[in-house]
Protein backbone atom coordinates (compact mmCIF):
# COMPACT_ATOMS: atom_id res chain seq x y z
CA MET A 1 -21.49 -6.19 4.39
CA ASN A 2 -21.79 -7.50 0.84
CA TRP A 3 -23.88 -10.57 0.07
CA ARG A 4 -21.17 -12.16 -1.71
CA VAL A 5 -19.14 -12.24 1.69
CA ILE A 6 -21.82 -14.25 3.36
CA LEU A 7 -22.23 -16.46 0.33
CA LYS A 8 -18.76 -17.29 0.35
CA ALA A 9 -18.46 -17.75 4.05
CA PRO A 10 -17.16 -21.31 5.07
CA VAL A 11 -19.70 -24.02 6.01
CA PHE A 12 -18.78 -26.64 8.49
CA THR A 13 -20.40 -29.92 9.23
CA GLN A 14 -20.76 -31.25 12.71
CA ASN A 15 -17.89 -33.71 12.44
CA GLU A 16 -15.64 -30.78 11.42
CA VAL A 17 -16.72 -28.77 14.39
CA ASP A 18 -16.02 -31.83 16.66
CA GLU A 19 -12.55 -32.23 15.09
CA TYR A 20 -11.99 -28.46 15.62
CA THR A 21 -12.99 -28.55 19.31
CA GLY A 22 -11.34 -31.78 19.89
CA GLU A 23 -14.51 -33.24 21.74
CA ASP A 24 -16.99 -35.75 20.90
CA PRO A 25 -20.53 -35.13 21.62
CA ASP A 26 -21.90 -37.17 24.81
CA ASP A 27 -24.69 -39.15 23.47
CA ARG A 28 -26.06 -39.64 27.14
CA PHE A 29 -27.63 -36.15 26.58
CA ASP A 30 -30.12 -34.97 24.15
CA LYS A 31 -29.01 -32.92 21.22
CA TYR A 32 -28.83 -29.46 23.07
CA LEU A 33 -26.38 -30.49 25.60
CA ALA A 34 -24.40 -33.46 23.92
CA ASP A 35 -21.81 -30.95 22.93
CA LEU A 36 -21.12 -28.10 25.42
CA ASN A 37 -19.41 -26.11 22.57
CA ARG A 38 -22.40 -26.38 20.12
CA PHE A 39 -23.61 -22.86 20.68
CA GLY A 40 -20.31 -21.09 20.89
CA ASN A 41 -20.38 -17.66 22.60
CA LYS A 42 -24.13 -17.27 22.37
CA LEU A 43 -24.43 -19.24 25.53
CA PRO A 44 -20.95 -18.72 27.19
CA MET A 45 -21.43 -20.45 30.51
CA ALA A 46 -21.87 -24.07 30.46
CA PHE A 47 -21.66 -26.23 33.55
CA GLN A 48 -21.53 -29.96 34.06
CA SER A 49 -22.24 -31.61 37.45
CA LYS A 50 -19.46 -33.17 39.51
CA ASP A 51 -20.55 -36.64 38.58
CA GLY A 52 -21.04 -35.69 34.89
CA ASN A 53 -24.63 -36.66 34.66
CA ALA A 54 -26.25 -33.30 34.30
CA ARG A 55 -25.57 -30.13 32.25
CA ALA A 56 -26.80 -26.52 32.28
CA LYS A 57 -26.28 -23.53 30.36
CA PHE A 58 -26.75 -19.89 31.67
CA ARG A 59 -26.31 -16.71 30.04
CA PHE A 60 -26.34 -13.05 31.50
CA THR A 61 -29.16 -11.02 29.92
CA GLN A 62 -31.80 -8.18 30.81
CA ASP A 63 -35.51 -8.16 30.90
CA ARG A 64 -37.48 -5.57 28.89
CA GLN A 65 -37.01 -2.97 31.61
CA GLY A 66 -33.30 -3.42 31.63
CA LYS A 67 -33.09 -5.33 34.87
CA PRO A 68 -30.21 -7.99 34.66
CA PHE A 69 -30.84 -11.68 35.42
CA TRP A 70 -29.39 -15.08 34.64
CA ASP A 71 -31.16 -16.99 31.98
CA LEU A 72 -31.00 -20.74 32.61
CA ASN A 73 -32.02 -21.69 29.22
CA ILE A 74 -30.80 -25.28 29.14
CA PHE A 75 -30.93 -27.88 31.99
CA GLU A 76 -30.68 -31.53 31.45
CA ILE A 77 -29.94 -34.78 33.23
CA ILE A 78 -28.73 -37.80 31.21
CA LYS A 79 -31.40 -40.02 29.92
CA ASP A 80 -30.76 -42.96 32.25
CA GLU A 81 -30.99 -40.70 35.41
CA ARG A 82 -34.31 -38.92 34.68
CA GLY A 83 -37.24 -39.26 36.79
CA GLN A 84 -35.26 -40.33 39.92
CA GLY A 85 -35.73 -37.11 41.85
CA LYS A 86 -32.02 -35.75 41.16
CA GLY A 87 -33.01 -32.59 39.39
CA ARG A 88 -33.06 -30.62 42.55
CA VAL A 89 -29.73 -31.72 43.66
CA TYR A 90 -28.27 -30.93 40.29
CA LEU A 91 -29.97 -27.47 39.96
CA LYS A 92 -28.71 -26.62 43.45
CA GLU A 93 -25.08 -27.49 42.34
CA PHE A 94 -25.50 -25.40 39.09
CA VAL A 95 -26.95 -22.40 41.15
CA GLU A 96 -23.76 -22.61 43.47
CA ASP A 97 -21.58 -22.48 40.28
CA ILE A 98 -23.28 -19.50 38.87
CA ARG A 99 -23.16 -17.61 42.19
CA ASP A 100 -19.54 -18.37 42.26
CA VAL A 101 -19.28 -16.65 38.83
CA GLU A 102 -21.51 -13.84 40.22
CA LYS A 103 -19.30 -13.32 43.26
CA GLN A 104 -16.29 -12.69 40.85
CA LEU A 105 -18.40 -10.29 38.74
CA ASN A 106 -19.44 -8.46 41.88
CA GLU A 107 -16.00 -7.33 42.66
CA PHE A 108 -16.51 -5.10 39.54
CA ASN A 109 -20.11 -4.02 39.66
CA ASN A 110 -21.31 -4.89 43.14
CA GLN A 111 -24.99 -5.98 41.85
CA GLY A 112 -25.44 -8.72 44.61
CA HIS A 113 -27.39 -11.94 43.60
CA LEU A 114 -29.36 -11.71 40.34
CA GLU A 115 -32.61 -13.61 39.78
CA ILE A 116 -32.27 -16.85 37.98
CA ILE A 117 -35.05 -17.49 35.44
CA ALA A 118 -35.40 -20.72 33.69
CA THR A 119 -36.44 -20.00 30.22
CA GLN A 120 -37.65 -22.08 27.40
CA THR A 121 -39.13 -24.63 29.72
CA PHE A 122 -41.59 -27.32 28.40
CA GLY A 123 -45.08 -27.96 29.73
CA GLU A 124 -44.35 -31.41 31.09
CA SER A 125 -41.67 -29.90 33.40
CA THR A 126 -43.84 -27.17 34.90
CA GLY A 127 -44.41 -28.93 38.28
CA PHE A 128 -40.48 -29.26 38.76
CA TRP A 129 -39.98 -25.70 38.05
CA GLU A 130 -42.79 -24.44 40.33
CA LYS A 131 -41.21 -26.72 43.04
CA MET A 132 -37.84 -25.19 42.50
CA ILE A 133 -39.35 -21.56 42.59
CA LYS A 134 -41.29 -22.32 45.87
CA GLU A 135 -38.08 -23.61 47.43
CA GLY A 136 -36.29 -20.50 46.32
CA ILE A 137 -33.67 -22.11 44.20
CA ILE A 138 -34.61 -20.25 41.10
CA GLN A 139 -36.97 -17.15 40.93
CA GLY A 140 -38.94 -17.90 37.92
CA HIS A 141 -39.70 -19.76 34.69
CA ASP A 142 -41.36 -19.31 31.30
CA LEU A 143 -42.71 -21.89 28.96
CA PHE A 144 -41.11 -22.45 25.53
């Protein structure tokens, strides 16, 4: 690829992207999940809770040894609902959603349930993730 092709590539502002997708960002969420289309195909599976107050993004990936797993790299509850003990309920809902996707994929590859690892977690949320691991909702987490 020639550097001139990159130099001449179109640049879009967030407003132009919003116009293109036809959706306005939801300002009840922080910047990472305000717009479910923000990351495009890089994070293809975005979920929103039934009540619309939580969102998560998963991607199918592999560890260094080539073992596949679900990377839960963004999980967020709207600002007004945080700290009320609702994280477990929303996380369970999203795990059910990803298991439904997995069930469809297993018709083709028969891998069974893959581990769900919360990645890029922040230090202040360690207690929450450790509880979710202990309860068997997810299988691991790592700090950002």
